[in-house]
């Protein structure tokens, strides 16, 4: 009987290789600029958010973050800054 986690390990390894390839490619061509207004204040208090996403959405966010050389939190912050009504 094969190890029940082999498939998950193989899937994770393939996903990791894809992320590594994306990160190791020249980032200058892909790099996007984030305006200073979109960056969170250094002294602004942070909190934790529990978020339920589809697996494909999570993978897409991880890939976007890797391509932009940033974090998922920074991408979400940028989105919130763009869509706030109190601009």
PDB file of N, CA and C in Angstrom:
ATOM      1  N   UNK A   1       0.851  -1.177   0.000  1.00  0.00           N
ATOM      2  CA  UNK A   1       0.000   0.000   0.000  1.00  0.00           C
ATOM      3  C   UNK A   1       0.897   1.242   0.000  1.00  0.00           C
ATOM      4  N   UNK A   2       0.596   2.142  -0.892  1.00  0.00           N
ATOM      5  CA  UNK A   2       1.378   3.375  -1.003  1.00  0.00           C
ATOM      6  C   UNK A   2       1.045   4.313   0.157  1.00  0.00           C
ATOM      7  N   UNK A   3       1.975   5.148   0.465  1.00  0.00           N
ATOM      8  CA  UNK A   3       1.774   6.137   1.519  1.00  0.00           C
ATOM      9  C   UNK A   3       0.612   7.042   1.124  1.00  0.00           C
ATOM     10  N   UNK A   4      -0.333   7.243   2.013  1.00  0.00           N
ATOM     11  CA  UNK A   4      -1.528   8.026   1.693  1.00  0.00           C
ATOM     12  C   UNK A   4      -1.222   9.504   1.463  1.00  0.00           C
ATOM     13  N   UNK A   5      -0.050   9.964   1.855  1.00  0.00           N
ATOM     14  CA  UNK A   5       0.305  11.366   1.685  1.00  0.00           C
ATOM     15  C   UNK A   5       1.168  11.620   0.456  1.00  0.00           C
ATOM     16  N   UNK A   6       1.511  10.560  -0.293  1.00  0.00           N
ATOM     17  CA  UNK A   6       2.386  10.722  -1.452  1.00  0.00           C
ATOM     18  C   UNK A   6       1.813  11.692  -2.476  1.00  0.00           C
ATOM     19  N   UNK A   7       0.517  11.577  -2.767  1.00  0.00           N
ATOM     20  CA  UNK A   7      -0.104  12.458  -3.757  1.00  0.00           C
ATOM     21  C   UNK A   7      -0.026  13.912  -3.302  1.00  0.00           C
ATOM     22  N   UNK A   8      -0.320  14.162  -2.037  1.00  0.00           N
ATOM     23  CA  UNK A   8      -0.262  15.526  -1.514  1.00  0.00           C
ATOM     24  C   UNK A   8       1.167  16.064  -1.549  1.00  0.00           C
ATOM     25  N   UNK A   9       2.118  15.216  -1.218  1.00  0.00           N
ATOM     26  CA  UNK A   9       3.522  15.634  -1.250  1.00  0.00           C
ATOM     27  C   UNK A   9       3.952  15.952  -2.679  1.00  0.00           C
ATOM     28  N   UNK A  10       3.533  15.130  -3.630  1.00  0.00           N
ATOM     29  CA  UNK A  10       3.886  15.369  -5.036  1.00  0.00           C
ATOM     30  C   UNK A  10       3.238  16.655  -5.540  1.00  0.00           C
ATOM     31  N   UNK A  11       1.973  16.880  -5.189  1.00  0.00           N
ATOM     32  CA  UNK A  11       1.287  18.116  -5.591  1.00  0.00           C
ATOM     33  C   UNK A  11       1.978  19.332  -4.995  1.00  0.00           C
ATOM     34  N   UNK A  12       2.351  19.250  -3.732  1.00  0.00           N
ATOM     35  CA  UNK A  12       3.015  20.372  -3.058  1.00  0.00           C
ATOM     36  C   UNK A  12       4.387  20.629  -3.667  1.00  0.00           C
ATOM     37  N   UNK A  13       5.094  19.570  -3.998  1.00  0.00           N
ATOM     38  CA  UNK A  13       6.416  19.721  -4.611  1.00  0.00           C
ATOM     39  C   UNK A  13       6.299  20.391  -5.982  1.00  0.00           C
ATOM     40  N   UNK A  14       5.295  20.000  -6.777  1.00  0.00           N
ATOM     41  CA  UNK A  14       5.085  20.622  -8.087  1.00  0.00           C
ATOM     42  C   UNK A  14       4.731  22.098  -7.931  1.00  0.00           C
ATOM     43  N   UNK A  15       3.888  22.409  -6.955  1.00  0.00           N
ATOM     44  CA  UNK A  15       3.514  23.801  -6.700  1.00  0.00           C
ATOM     45  C   UNK A  15       4.733  24.617  -6.268  1.00  0.00           C
ATOM     46  N   UNK A  16       5.565  24.032  -5.413  1.00  0.00           N
ATOM     47  CA  UNK A  16       6.765  24.721  -4.941  1.00  0.00           C
ATOM     48  C   UNK A  16       7.728  24.989  -6.095  1.00  0.00           C
ATOM     49  N   UNK A  17       7.900  24.029  -6.996  1.00  0.00           N
ATOM     50  CA  UNK A  17       8.782  24.221  -8.153  1.00  0.00           C
ATOM     51  C   UNK A  17       8.270  25.347  -9.039  1.00  0.00           C
ATOM     52  N   UNK A  18       6.950  25.400  -9.216  1.00  0.00           N
ATOM     53  CA  UNK A  18       6.354  26.458 -10.037  1.00  0.00           C
ATOM     54  C   UNK A  18       6.620  27.829  -9.404  1.00  0.00           C
ATOM     55  N   UNK A  19       6.468  27.923  -8.096  1.00  0.00           N
ATOM     56  CA  UNK A  19       6.727  29.184  -7.394  1.00  0.00           C
ATOM     57  C   UNK A  19       8.199  29.556  -7.510  1.00  0.00           C
ATOM     58  N   UNK A  20       9.083  28.584  -7.323  1.00  0.00           N
ATOM     59  CA  UNK A  20      10.519  28.857  -7.419  1.00  0.00           C
ATOM     60  C   UNK A  20      10.909  29.334  -8.812  1.00  0.00           C
ATOM     61  N   UNK A  21      10.312  28.744  -9.852  1.00  0.00           N
ATOM     62  CA  UNK A  21      10.599  29.181 -11.216  1.00  0.00           C
ATOM     63  C   UNK A  21      10.149  30.611 -11.420  1.00  0.00           C
ATOM     64  N   UNK A  22       8.979  30.940 -10.909  1.00  0.00           N
ATOM     65  CA  UNK A  22       8.459  32.296 -11.054  1.00  0.00           C
ATOM     66  C   UNK A  22       9.356  33.295 -10.336  1.00  0.00           C
ATOM     67  N   UNK A  23       9.784  32.941  -9.144  1.00  0.00           N
ATOM     68  CA  UNK A  23      10.613  33.850  -8.353  1.00  0.00           C
ATOM     69  C   UNK A  23      12.007  33.988  -8.950  1.00  0.00           C
ATOM     70  N   UNK A  24      12.547  32.916  -9.507  1.00  0.00           N
ATOM     71  CA  UNK A  24      13.911  32.965 -10.021  1.00  0.00           C
ATOM     72  C   UNK A  24      14.021  33.642 -11.384  1.00  0.00           C
ATOM     73  N   UNK A  25      12.898  33.830 -12.090  1.00  0.00           N
ATOM     74  CA  UNK A  25      12.924  34.550 -13.359  1.00  0.00           C
ATOM     75  C   UNK A  25      13.264  36.009 -13.090  1.00  0.00           C
ATOM     76  N   UNK A  26      13.838  36.690 -14.088  1.00  0.00           N
ATOM     77  CA  UNK A  26      14.137  38.117 -13.878  1.00  0.00           C
ATOM     78  C   UNK A  26      12.884  38.869 -13.461  1.00  0.00           C
ATOM     79  N   UNK A  27      12.929  39.447 -12.291  1.00  0.00           N
ATOM     80  CA  UNK A  27      11.751  40.107 -11.728  1.00  0.00           C
ATOM     81  C   UNK A  27      11.578  41.521 -12.248  1.00  0.00           C
ATOM     82  N   UNK A  28      12.595  42.106 -12.819  1.00  0.00           N
ATOM     83  CA  UNK A  28      12.503  43.498 -13.260  1.00  0.00           C
ATOM     84  C   UNK A  28      11.406  43.681 -14.297  1.00  0.00           C
ATOM     85  N   UNK A  29      11.233  42.721 -15.173  1.00  0.00           N
ATOM     86  CA  UNK A  29      10.214  42.842 -16.210  1.00  0.00           C
ATOM     87  C   UNK A  29       8.815  42.728 -15.634  1.00  0.00           C
ATOM     88  N   UNK A  30       8.685  42.021 -14.528  1.00  0.00           N
ATOM     89  CA  UNK A  30       7.373  41.787 -13.934  1.00  0.00           C
ATOM     90  C   UNK A  30       7.047  42.759 -12.818  1.00  0.00           C
ATOM     91  N   UNK A  31       8.040  43.424 -12.278  1.00  0.00           N
ATOM     92  CA  UNK A  31       7.862  44.241 -11.088  1.00  0.00           C
ATOM     93  C   UNK A  31       6.847  45.352 -11.331  1.00  0.00           C
ATOM     94  N   UNK A  32       5.954  45.515 -10.399  1.00  0.00           N
ATOM     95  CA  UNK A  32       4.991  46.604 -10.468  1.00  0.00           C
ATOM     96  C   UNK A  32       5.313  47.586  -9.362  1.00  0.00           C
ATOM     97  N   UNK A  33       4.961  48.816  -9.585  1.00  0.00           N
ATOM     98  CA  UNK A  33       5.221  49.814  -8.560  1.00  0.00           C
ATOM     99  C   UNK A  33       3.966  50.017  -7.735  1.00  0.00           C
ATOM    100  N   UNK A  34       4.156  50.196  -6.468  1.00  0.00           N
ATOM    101  CA  UNK A  34       3.057  50.467  -5.550  1.00  0.00           C
ATOM    102  C   UNK A  34       3.242  51.886  -5.061  1.00  0.00           C
ATOM    103  N   UNK A  35       2.191  52.668  -5.156  1.00  0.00           N
ATOM    104  CA  UNK A  35       2.312  54.055  -4.738  1.00  0.00           C
ATOM    105  C   UNK A  35       2.526  54.131  -3.234  1.00  0.00           C
ATOM    106  N   UNK A  36       3.112  55.216  -2.805  1.00  0.00           N
ATOM    107  CA  UNK A  36       3.373  55.409  -1.380  1.00  0.00           C
ATOM    108  C   UNK A  36       2.060  55.433  -0.607  1.00  0.00           C
ATOM    109  N   UNK A  37       0.988  55.940  -1.227  1.00  0.00           N
ATOM    110  CA  UNK A  37      -0.305  56.001  -0.556  1.00  0.00           C
ATOM    111  C   UNK A  37      -0.848  54.614  -0.246  1.00  0.00           C
ATOM    112  N   UNK A  38      -0.483  53.616  -1.055  1.00  0.00           N
ATOM    113  CA  UNK A  38      -1.006  52.269  -0.858  1.00  0.00           C
ATOM    114  C   UNK A  38      -0.237  51.507   0.213  1.00  0.00           C
ATOM    115  N   UNK A  39       0.948  51.959   0.552  1.00  0.00           N
ATOM    116  CA  UNK A  39       1.755  51.266   1.554  1.00  0.00           C
ATOM    117  C   UNK A  39       1.198  51.529   2.949  1.00  0.00           C
ATOM    118  N   UNK A  40       1.133  50.496   3.788  1.00  0.00           N
ATOM    119  CA  UNK A  40       0.625  50.708   5.145  1.00  0.00           C
ATOM    120  C   UNK A  40       1.609  51.537   5.955  1.00  0.00           C
ATOM    121  N   UNK A  41       1.085  52.311   6.854  1.00  0.00           N
ATOM    122  CA  UNK A  41       1.940  53.116   7.729  1.00  0.00           C
ATOM    123  C   UNK A  41       2.769  52.179   8.596  1.00  0.00           C
ATOM    124  N   UNK A  42       4.026  52.524   8.780  1.00  0.00           N
ATOM    125  CA  UNK A  42       4.932  51.681   9.566  1.00  0.00           C
ATOM    126  C   UNK A  42       4.417  51.468  10.985  1.00  0.00           C
ATOM    127  N   UNK A  43       3.832  52.510  11.572  1.00  0.00           N
ATOM    128  CA  UNK A  43       3.398  52.419  12.964  1.00  0.00           C
ATOM    129  C   UNK A  43       1.935  52.008  13.101  1.00  0.00           C
ATOM    130  N   UNK A  44       1.282  51.721  11.989  1.00  0.00           N
ATOM    131  CA  UNK A  44      -0.124  51.326  12.047  1.00  0.00           C
ATOM    132  C   UNK A  44      -0.232  49.929  12.664  1.00  0.00           C
ATOM    133  N   UNK A  45      -1.143  49.779  13.627  1.00  0.00           N
ATOM    134  CA  UNK A  45      -1.323  48.503  14.305  1.00  0.00           C
ATOM    135  C   UNK A  45      -1.892  47.477  13.329  1.00  0.00           C
ATOM    136  N   UNK A  46      -1.416  46.263  13.423  1.00  0.00           N
ATOM    137  CA  UNK A  46      -1.879  45.182  12.554  1.00  0.00           C
ATOM    138  C   UNK A  46      -2.754  44.223  13.347  1.00  0.00           C
ATOM    139  N   UNK A  47      -3.600  43.498  12.622  1.00  0.00           N
ATOM    140  CA  UNK A  47      -4.441  42.485  13.222  1.00  0.00           C
ATOM    141  C   UNK A  47      -4.414  41.255  12.330  1.00  0.00           C
ATOM    142  N   UNK A  48      -4.936  40.155  12.825  1.00  0.00           N
ATOM    143  CA  UNK A  48      -4.979  38.918  12.062  1.00  0.00           C
ATOM    144  C   UNK A  48      -6.367  38.747  11.469  1.00  0.00           C
ATOM    145  N   UNK A  49      -6.413  38.292  10.229  1.00  0.00           N
ATOM    146  CA  UNK A  49      -7.668  38.067   9.522  1.00  0.00           C
ATOM    147  C   UNK A  49      -7.740  36.605   9.123  1.00  0.00           C
ATOM    148  N   UNK A  50      -8.824  35.957   9.470  1.00  0.00           N
ATOM    149  CA  UNK A  50      -9.045  34.584   9.041  1.00  0.00           C
ATOM    150  C   UNK A  50      -9.927  34.643   7.808  1.00  0.00           C
ATOM    151  N   UNK A  51      -9.452  34.070   6.716  1.00  0.00           N
ATOM    152  CA  UNK A  51     -10.118  34.216   5.429  1.00  0.00           C
ATOM    153  C   UNK A  51     -10.292  32.854   4.785  1.00  0.00           C
ATOM    154  N   UNK A  52     -11.481  32.580   4.283  1.00  0.00           N
ATOM    155  CA  UNK A  52     -11.744  31.324   3.600  1.00  0.00           C
ATOM    156  C   UNK A  52     -11.754  31.576   2.098  1.00  0.00           C
ATOM    157  N   UNK A  53     -10.839  30.928   1.384  1.00  0.00           N
ATOM    158  CA  UNK A  53     -10.715  31.076  -0.065  1.00  0.00           C
ATOM    159  C   UNK A  53     -10.782  29.709  -0.720  1.00  0.00           C
ATOM    160  N   UNK A  54     -11.045  29.707  -2.012  1.00  0.00           N
ATOM    161  CA  UNK A  54     -10.920  28.457  -2.747  1.00  0.00           C
ATOM    162  C   UNK A  54      -9.436  28.143  -2.878  1.00  0.00           C
ATOM    163  N   UNK A  55      -9.129  26.902  -3.096  1.00  0.00           N
ATOM    164  CA  UNK A  55      -7.732  26.498  -3.252  1.00  0.00           C
ATOM    165  C   UNK A  55      -7.112  27.230  -4.437  1.00  0.00           C
ATOM    166  N   UNK A  56      -7.864  27.353  -5.526  1.00  0.00           N
ATOM    167  CA  UNK A  56      -7.314  28.022  -6.710  1.00  0.00           C
ATOM    168  C   UNK A  56      -7.083  29.512  -6.461  1.00  0.00           C
ATOM    169  N   UNK A  57      -7.954  30.161  -5.695  1.00  0.00           N
ATOM    170  CA  UNK A  57      -7.743  31.577  -5.370  1.00  0.00           C
ATOM    171  C   UNK A  57      -6.501  31.755  -4.498  1.00  0.00           C
ATOM    172  N   UNK A  58      -6.306  30.852  -3.545  1.00  0.00           N
ATOM    173  CA  UNK A  58      -5.124  30.933  -2.682  1.00  0.00           C
ATOM    174  C   UNK A  58      -3.852  30.764  -3.503  1.00  0.00           C
ATOM    175  N   UNK A  59      -3.861  29.799  -4.411  1.00  0.00           N
ATOM    176  CA  UNK A  59      -2.687  29.585  -5.264  1.00  0.00           C
ATOM    177  C   UNK A  59      -2.427  30.809  -6.134  1.00  0.00           C
ATOM    178  N   UNK A  60      -3.507  31.404  -6.658  1.00  0.00           N
ATOM    179  CA  UNK A  60      -3.356  32.595  -7.501  1.00  0.00           C
ATOM    180  C   UNK A  60      -2.760  33.749  -6.695  1.00  0.00           C
ATOM    181  N   UNK A  61      -3.234  33.934  -5.471  1.00  0.00           N
ATOM    182  CA  UNK A  61      -2.681  34.987  -4.613  1.00  0.00           C
ATOM    183  C   UNK A  61      -1.208  34.737  -4.298  1.00  0.00           C
ATOM    184  N   UNK A  62      -0.864  33.486  -4.015  1.00  0.00           N
ATOM    185  CA  UNK A  62       0.534  33.155  -3.728  1.00  0.00           C
ATOM    186  C   UNK A  62       1.416  33.432  -4.939  1.00  0.00           C
ATOM    187  N   UNK A  63       0.921  33.096  -6.123  1.00  0.00           N
ATOM    188  CA  UNK A  63       1.694  33.334  -7.346  1.00  0.00           C
ATOM    189  C   UNK A  63       1.834  34.836  -7.605  1.00  0.00           C
ATOM    190  N   UNK A  64       0.753  35.587  -7.405  1.00  0.00           N
ATOM    191  CA  UNK A  64       0.821  37.041  -7.581  1.00  0.00           C
ATOM    192  C   UNK A  64       1.856  37.641  -6.637  1.00  0.00           C
ATOM    193  N   UNK A  65       1.834  37.203  -5.398  1.00  0.00           N
ATOM    194  CA  UNK A  65       2.781  37.727  -4.416  1.00  0.00           C
ATOM    195  C   UNK A  65       4.215  37.376  -4.807  1.00  0.00           C
ATOM    196  N   UNK A  66       4.424  36.162  -5.262  1.00  0.00           N
ATOM    197  CA  UNK A  66       5.771  35.756  -5.673  1.00  0.00           C
ATOM    198  C   UNK A  66       6.236  36.567  -6.877  1.00  0.00           C
ATOM    199  N   UNK A  67       5.344  36.761  -7.839  1.00  0.00           N
ATOM    200  CA  UNK A  67       5.698  37.518  -9.043  1.00  0.00           C
ATOM    201  C   UNK A  67       6.031  38.971  -8.717  1.00  0.00           C
ATOM    202  N   UNK A  68       5.316  39.541  -7.764  1.00  0.00           N
ATOM    203  CA  UNK A  68       5.537  40.947  -7.388  1.00  0.00           C
ATOM    204  C   UNK A  68       6.600  41.096  -6.303  1.00  0.00           C
ATOM    205  N   UNK A  69       7.112  39.976  -5.838  1.00  0.00           N
ATOM    206  CA  UNK A  69       8.086  39.971  -4.745  1.00  0.00           C
ATOM    207  C   UNK A  69       7.554  40.727  -3.531  1.00  0.00           C
ATOM    208  N   UNK A  70       6.350  40.373  -3.124  1.00  0.00           N
ATOM    209  CA  UNK A  70       5.698  41.005  -1.985  1.00  0.00           C
ATOM    210  C   UNK A  70       4.946  39.938  -1.202  1.00  0.00           C
ATOM    211  N   UNK A  71       4.082  40.350  -0.307  1.00  0.00           N
ATOM    212  CA  UNK A  71       3.300  39.411   0.496  1.00  0.00           C
ATOM    213  C   UNK A  71       1.837  39.468   0.091  1.00  0.00           C
ATOM    214  N   UNK A  72       1.103  38.438   0.463  1.00  0.00           N
ATOM    215  CA  UNK A  72      -0.339  38.433   0.221  1.00  0.00           C
ATOM    216  C   UNK A  72      -0.983  39.568   1.006  1.00  0.00           C
ATOM    217  N   UNK A  73      -0.498  39.829   2.208  1.00  0.00           N
ATOM    218  CA  UNK A  73      -1.038  40.930   3.016  1.00  0.00           C
ATOM    219  C   UNK A  73      -0.883  42.262   2.291  1.00  0.00           C
ATOM    220  N   UNK A  74       0.256  42.472   1.630  1.00  0.00           N
ATOM    221  CA  UNK A  74       0.472  43.722   0.893  1.00  0.00           C
ATOM    222  C   UNK A  74      -0.476  43.828  -0.298  1.00  0.00           C
ATOM    223  N   UNK A  75      -0.744  42.714  -0.967  1.00  0.00           N
ATOM    224  CA  UNK A  75      -1.682  42.719  -2.095  1.00  0.00           C
ATOM    225  C   UNK A  75      -3.083  43.060  -1.603  1.00  0.00           C
ATOM    226  N   UNK A  76      -3.490  42.459  -0.488  1.00  0.00           N
ATOM    227  CA  UNK A  76      -4.815  42.750   0.068  1.00  0.00           C
ATOM    228  C   UNK A  76      -4.886  44.204   0.514  1.00  0.00           C
ATOM    229  N   UNK A  77      -3.832  44.706   1.139  1.00  0.00           N
ATOM    230  CA  UNK A  77      -3.806  46.111   1.564  1.00  0.00           C
ATOM    231  C   UNK A  77      -3.951  47.035   0.358  1.00  0.00           C
ATOM    232  N   UNK A  78      -3.248  46.723  -0.718  1.00  0.00           N
ATOM    233  CA  UNK A  78      -3.332  47.533  -1.940  1.00  0.00           C
ATOM    234  C   UNK A  78      -4.765  47.537  -2.481  1.00  0.00           C
ATOM    235  N   UNK A  79      -5.406  46.363  -2.475  1.00  0.00           N
ATOM    236  CA  UNK A  79      -6.780  46.263  -2.971  1.00  0.00           C
ATOM    237  C   UNK A  79      -7.724  47.104  -2.107  1.00  0.00           C
ATOM    238  N   UNK A  80      -7.568  47.013  -0.796  1.00  0.00           N
ATOM    239  CA  UNK A  80      -8.419  47.792   0.116  1.00  0.00           C
ATOM    240  C   UNK A  80      -8.212  49.281  -0.131  1.00  0.00           C
ATOM    241  N   UNK A  81      -6.956  49.705  -0.282  1.00  0.00           N
ATOM    242  CA  UNK A  81      -6.658  51.119  -0.518  1.00  0.00           C
ATOM    243  C   UNK A  81      -7.301  51.612  -1.813  1.00  0.00           C
ATOM    244  N   UNK A  82      -7.321  50.771  -2.836  1.00  0.00           N
ATOM    245  CA  UNK A  82      -7.912  51.155  -4.121  1.00  0.00           C
ATOM    246  C   UNK A  82      -9.436  51.220  -4.061  1.00  0.00           C
ATOM    247  N   UNK A  83     -10.052  50.422  -3.202  1.00  0.00           N
ATOM    248  CA  UNK A  83     -11.513  50.312  -3.184  1.00  0.00           C
ATOM    249  C   UNK A  83     -12.192  51.015  -2.017  1.00  0.00           C
ATOM    250  N   UNK A  84     -11.415  51.667  -1.158  1.00  0.00           N
ATOM    251  CA  UNK A  84     -12.028  52.409  -0.048  1.00  0.00           C
ATOM    252  C   UNK A  84     -12.847  53.564  -0.592  1.00  0.00           C
ATOM    253  N   UNK A  85     -13.967  53.822   0.050  1.00  0.00           N
ATOM    254  CA  UNK A  85     -14.837  54.917  -0.383  1.00  0.00           C
ATOM    255  C   UNK A  85     -14.437  56.241   0.242  1.00  0.00           C
ATOM    256  N   UNK A  86     -13.662  56.231   1.299  1.00  0.00           N
ATOM    257  CA  UNK A  86     -13.309  57.468   1.998  1.00  0.00           C
ATOM    258  C   UNK A  86     -12.011  58.088   1.484  1.00  0.00           C
ATOM    259  N   UNK A  87     -11.706  57.871   0.236  1.00  0.00           N
ATOM    260  CA  UNK A  87     -10.475  58.428  -0.353  1.00  0.00           C
ATOM    261  C   UNK A  87     -10.508  59.928  -0.366  1.00  0.00           C
TER     262      UNK A  87
END
